[in-house]
C-alpha atoms as a PDB file:
ATOM      1  CA  MET A   1     -51.597 -57.327   6.872  1.00  0.00           C
ATOM      2  CA  ALA A   2     -51.701 -61.090   7.508  1.00  0.00           C
ATOM      3  CA  ALA A   3     -49.426 -63.201   5.293  1.00  0.00           C
ATOM      4  CA  ASP A   4     -52.437 -65.024   3.725  1.00  0.00           C
ATOM      5  CA  GLN A   5     -54.267 -61.807   2.786  1.00  0.00           C
ATOM      6  CA  GLU A   6     -53.885 -60.285  -0.633  1.00  0.00           C
ATOM      7  CA  PRO A   7     -53.421 -56.539  -0.936  1.00  0.00           C
ATOM      8  CA  HIS A   8     -56.661 -54.618  -1.342  1.00  0.00           C
ATOM      9  CA  LEU A   9     -57.523 -53.668  -4.949  1.00  0.00           C
ATOM     10  CA  VAL A  10     -57.509 -49.932  -4.052  1.00  0.00           C
ATOM     11  CA  ASP A  11     -53.971 -50.190  -2.659  1.00  0.00           C
ATOM     12  CA  ILE A  12     -52.750 -52.052  -5.739  1.00  0.00           C
ATOM     13  CA  HIS A  13     -54.446 -49.480  -7.996  1.00  0.00           C
ATOM     14  CA  VAL A  14     -52.978 -46.521  -6.191  1.00  0.00           C
ATOM     15  CA  GLY A  15     -49.540 -48.130  -6.132  1.00  0.00           C
ATOM     16  CA  ALA A  16     -49.663 -48.951  -9.853  1.00  0.00           C
ATOM     17  CA  ARG A  17     -50.673 -45.342 -10.672  1.00  0.00           C
ATOM     18  CA  MET A  18     -47.859 -44.068  -8.415  1.00  0.00           C
ATOM     19  CA  ARG A  19     -45.305 -46.193 -10.223  1.00  0.00           C
ATOM     20  CA  MET A  20     -46.640 -45.222 -13.656  1.00  0.00           C
ATOM     21  CA  ARG A  21     -46.443 -41.491 -12.880  1.00  0.00           C
ATOM     22  CA  ARG A  22     -43.022 -41.808 -11.289  1.00  0.00           C
ATOM     23  CA  LYS A  23     -41.608 -43.653 -14.242  1.00  0.00           C
ATOM     24  CA  ALA A  24     -43.258 -41.239 -16.717  1.00  0.00           C
ATOM     25  CA  MET A  25     -41.513 -38.384 -14.995  1.00  0.00           C
ATOM     26  CA  GLY A  26     -38.181 -40.206 -14.967  1.00  0.00           C
ATOM     27  CA  LEU A  27     -37.840 -40.363 -11.201  1.00  0.00           C
ATOM     28  CA  SER A  28     -36.184 -43.176  -9.343  1.00  0.00           C
ATOM     29  CA  GLN A  29     -37.779 -44.860  -6.378  1.00  0.00           C
ATOM     30  CA  THR A  30     -35.112 -43.284  -4.203  1.00  0.00           C
ATOM     31  CA  GLN A  31     -35.861 -39.762  -5.495  1.00  0.00           C
ATOM     32  CA  LEU A  32     -39.595 -40.068  -4.875  1.00  0.00           C
ATOM     33  CA  ALA A  33     -39.090 -41.739  -1.506  1.00  0.00           C
ATOM     34  CA  GLU A  34     -36.721 -39.047  -0.300  1.00  0.00           C
ATOM     35  CA  SER A  35     -39.140 -36.300  -1.394  1.00  0.00           C
ATOM     36  CA  VAL A  36     -41.690 -37.599   1.134  1.00  0.00           C
ATOM     37  CA  GLY A  37     -39.345 -38.872   3.801  1.00  0.00           C
ATOM     38  CA  ILE A  38     -39.556 -42.612   3.414  1.00  0.00           C
ATOM     39  CA  THR A  39     -37.136 -45.341   2.317  1.00  0.00           C
ATOM     40  CA  PHE A  40     -37.142 -46.657  -1.208  1.00  0.00           C
ATOM     41  CA  GLN A  41     -38.094 -50.059   0.248  1.00  0.00           C
ATOM     42  CA  GLN A  42     -41.246 -48.523   1.698  1.00  0.00           C
ATOM     43  CA  LEU A  43     -42.014 -46.942  -1.673  1.00  0.00           C
ATOM     44  CA  GLN A  44     -41.606 -50.366  -3.274  1.00  0.00           C
ATOM     45  CA  LYS A  45     -44.232 -51.736  -0.910  1.00  0.00           C
ATOM     46  CA  TYR A  46     -46.541 -48.810  -1.732  1.00  0.00           C
ATOM     47  CA  GLU A  47     -46.112 -49.416  -5.466  1.00  0.00           C
ATOM     48  CA  ARG A  48     -46.930 -53.142  -5.125  1.00  0.00           C
ATOM     49  CA  GLY A  49     -49.937 -52.359  -2.909  1.00  0.00           C
ATOM     50  CA  ALA A  50     -48.450 -54.414  -0.096  1.00  0.00           C
ATOM     51  CA  ASN A  51     -48.686 -51.385   2.274  1.00  0.00           C
ATOM     52  CA  ARG A  52     -51.253 -48.643   2.342  1.00  0.00           C
ATOM     53  CA  VAL A  53     -50.177 -45.083   1.752  1.00  0.00           C
ATOM     54  CA  SER A  54     -51.149 -42.535   4.413  1.00  0.00           C
ATOM     55  CA  ALA A  55     -52.969 -39.418   3.307  1.00  0.00           C
ATOM     56  CA  SER A  56     -49.999 -37.166   4.104  1.00  0.00           C
ATOM     57  CA  LYS A  57     -47.545 -39.323   2.113  1.00  0.00           C
ATOM     58  CA  LEU A  58     -49.993 -39.568  -0.804  1.00  0.00           C
ATOM     59  CA  TYR A  59     -50.373 -35.785  -0.767  1.00  0.00           C
ATOM     60  CA  GLY A  60     -46.601 -35.372  -0.732  1.00  0.00           C
ATOM     61  CA  MET A  61     -46.228 -37.729  -3.653  1.00  0.00           C
ATOM     62  CA  ALA A  62     -48.882 -35.873  -5.595  1.00  0.00           C
ATOM     63  CA  VAL A  63     -46.943 -32.669  -5.105  1.00  0.00           C
ATOM     64  CA  THR A  64     -43.652 -34.278  -6.186  1.00  0.00           C
ATOM     65  CA  LEU A  65     -45.333 -36.055  -9.125  1.00  0.00           C
ATOM     66  CA  GLN A  66     -47.129 -32.798 -10.119  1.00  0.00           C
ATOM     67  CA  THR A  67     -50.622 -34.264 -10.053  1.00  0.00           C
ATOM     68  CA  SER A  68     -53.670 -34.273  -7.824  1.00  0.00           C
ATOM     69  CA  VAL A  69     -54.358 -36.809  -5.077  1.00  0.00           C
ATOM     70  CA  ALA A  70     -57.519 -37.762  -6.979  1.00  0.00           C
ATOM     71  CA  TRP A  71     -55.411 -38.794 -10.027  1.00  0.00           C
ATOM     72  CA  PHE A  72     -54.183 -41.842  -8.118  1.00  0.00           C
ATOM     73  CA  PHE A  73     -57.745 -43.105  -7.966  1.00  0.00           C
ATOM     74  CA  ASP A  74     -58.678 -42.413 -11.568  1.00  0.00           C
ATOM     75  CA  GLY A  75     -60.024 -45.491 -13.335  1.00  0.00           C
ATOM     76  CA  LEU A  76     -60.894 -47.267 -10.097  1.00  0.00           C
ATOM     77  CA  SER A  77     -64.199 -49.084 -10.052  1.00  0.00           C
ATOM     78  CA  SER A  78     -66.742 -47.580  -7.676  1.00  0.00           C
ATOM     79  CA  ASP A  79     -67.981 -51.046  -6.712  1.00  0.00           C
ATOM     80  CA  LEU A  80     -65.145 -52.513  -4.608  1.00  0.00           C
ATOM     81  CA  GLY A  81     -67.192 -53.329  -1.549  1.00  0.00           C
ATOM     82  CA  GLY A  82     -67.115 -57.069  -2.269  1.00  0.00           C
ATOM     83  CA  LEU A  83     -70.007 -56.951  -4.721  1.00  0.00           C
ATOM     84  CA  ALA A  84     -67.885 -56.385  -7.822  1.00  0.00           C
ATOM     85  CA  ASP A  85     -68.263 -58.703 -10.818  1.00  0.00           C
ATOM     86  CA  PRO A  86     -65.467 -61.375 -10.617  1.00  0.00           C
ATOM     87  CA  THR A  87     -64.668 -60.670 -14.263  1.00  0.00           C
ATOM     88  CA  ASP A  88     -64.096 -56.990 -13.444  1.00  0.00           C
ATOM     89  CA  GLU A  89     -61.888 -57.963 -10.516  1.00  0.00           C
ATOM     90  CA  ARG A  90     -59.761 -60.295 -12.693  1.00  0.00           C
ATOM     91  CA  ARG A  91     -59.466 -57.608 -15.302  1.00  0.00           C
ATOM     92  CA  THR A  92     -58.467 -55.023 -12.684  1.00  0.00           C
ATOM     93  CA  ARG A  93     -55.825 -57.343 -11.206  1.00  0.00           C
ATOM     94  CA  ALA A  94     -54.470 -58.133 -14.696  1.00  0.00           C
ATOM     95  CA  LEU A  95     -54.207 -54.440 -15.496  1.00  0.00           C
ATOM     96  CA  GLN A  96     -52.473 -53.756 -12.209  1.00  0.00           C
ATOM     97  CA  ARG A  97     -49.941 -56.564 -12.778  1.00  0.00           C
ATOM     98  CA  PHE A  98     -49.280 -55.095 -16.215  1.00  0.00           C
ATOM     99  CA  MET A  99     -48.710 -51.630 -14.776  1.00  0.00           C
ATOM    100  CA  LEU A 100     -46.371 -53.032 -12.085  1.00  0.00           C
ATOM    101  CA  SER A 101     -44.080 -54.433 -14.842  1.00  0.00           C
ATOM    102  CA  SER A 102     -41.431 -52.194 -16.407  1.00  0.00           C
ATOM    103  CA  GLU A 103     -42.624 -53.291 -19.891  1.00  0.00           C
ATOM    104  CA  GLY A 104     -46.201 -52.372 -18.987  1.00  0.00           C
ATOM    105  CA  VAL A 105     -45.290 -48.847 -17.943  1.00  0.00           C
ATOM    106  CA  GLU A 106     -43.198 -48.361 -21.063  1.00  0.00           C
ATOM    107  CA  LEU A 107     -45.955 -49.712 -23.315  1.00  0.00           C
ATOM    108  CA  ALA A 108     -48.566 -47.497 -21.555  1.00  0.00           C
ATOM    109  CA  THR A 109     -46.324 -44.497 -22.119  1.00  0.00           C
ATOM    110  CA  LEU A 110     -45.641 -45.218 -25.823  1.00  0.00           C
ATOM    111  CA  PHE A 111     -48.947 -46.765 -26.970  1.00  0.00           C
ATOM    112  CA  PRO A 112     -50.944 -43.524 -27.202  1.00  0.00           C
ATOM    113  CA  GLN A 113     -48.242 -42.115 -29.513  1.00  0.00           C
ATOM    114  CA  VAL A 114     -48.701 -44.953 -32.046  1.00  0.00           C
ATOM    115  CA  PRO A 115     -51.153 -44.186 -34.881  1.00  0.00           C
ATOM    116  CA  GLU A 116     -54.606 -45.836 -34.416  1.00  0.00           C
ATOM    117  CA  ARG A 117     -54.246 -48.342 -37.251  1.00  0.00           C
ATOM    118  CA  GLN A 118     -50.942 -49.593 -35.861  1.00  0.00           C
ATOM    119  CA  ARG A 119     -52.370 -49.732 -32.338  1.00  0.00           C
ATOM    120  CA  ARG A 120     -55.058 -52.167 -33.594  1.00  0.00           C
ATOM    121  CA  GLN A 121     -52.269 -54.245 -35.218  1.00  0.00           C
ATOM    122  CA  VAL A 122     -50.264 -54.285 -31.986  1.00  0.00           C
ATOM    123  CA  LEU A 123     -53.342 -55.394 -30.086  1.00  0.00           C
ATOM    124  CA  ALA A 124     -54.036 -58.176 -32.628  1.00  0.00           C
ATOM    125  CA  LEU A 125     -50.418 -59.308 -32.260  1.00  0.00           C
ATOM    126  CA  ALA A 126     -50.706 -59.317 -28.453  1.00  0.00           C
ATOM    127  CA  ARG A 127     -53.907 -61.413 -28.665  1.00  0.00           C
ATOM    128  CA  THR A 128     -52.167 -63.904 -30.982  1.00  0.00           C
ATOM    129  CA  LEU A 129     -49.082 -64.143 -28.716  1.00  0.00           C
ATOM    130  CA  SER A 130     -51.213 -64.604 -25.595  1.00  0.00           C
ATOM    131  CA  ASP A 131     -53.146 -67.421 -27.325  1.00  0.00           C
ATOM    132  CA  MET A 132     -49.842 -69.150 -27.938  1.00  0.00           C
ATOM    133  CA  GLY A 133     -49.401 -69.417 -24.144  1.00  0.00           C
ATOM    134  CA  GLY A 134     -45.664 -68.804 -24.102  1.00  0.00           C
ATOM    135  CA  ASP A 135     -44.766 -72.194 -25.604  1.00  0.00           C
ATOM    136  CA  ASP A 136     -41.500 -70.884 -27.072  1.00  0.00           C
ATOM    137  CA  GLU A 137     -40.138 -69.580 -23.738  1.00  0.00           C
ATOM    138  CA  GLU A 138     -38.623 -72.965 -22.857  1.00  0.00           C
ATOM    139  CA  GLU A 139     -36.871 -73.253 -26.239  1.00  0.00           C
ATOM    140  CA  GLY A 140     -34.730 -70.108 -25.854  1.00  0.00           C
END
């Protein structure tokens, strides 16, 4: 991949799902990497979407992560051939950045366990905090 090219949305999505499942199962990058015969550095590249995962490695990861290969593609827009709505692409990239963060994975794991009323309150809080634009980060 050329240095000026961004990773493809599909690779980012698959990598984010891989990371989410790995963390949910409590596996380290080293453990998952060793299970399919790659280095943890290569797994890091897969999880970021910087490198594409071969079919055989994806299959091996699905076995280790006790899921189907198709699971890695769940939630992926069917219109990624360059005709996708720019808003959808921005939303997809934001979701993928979220899932690549350790906080995002933890929130995604815990959020469904929170009662619905409190989930709406957490969402309202997140909206308020995002509107603030991180002004207080420089103070701390």
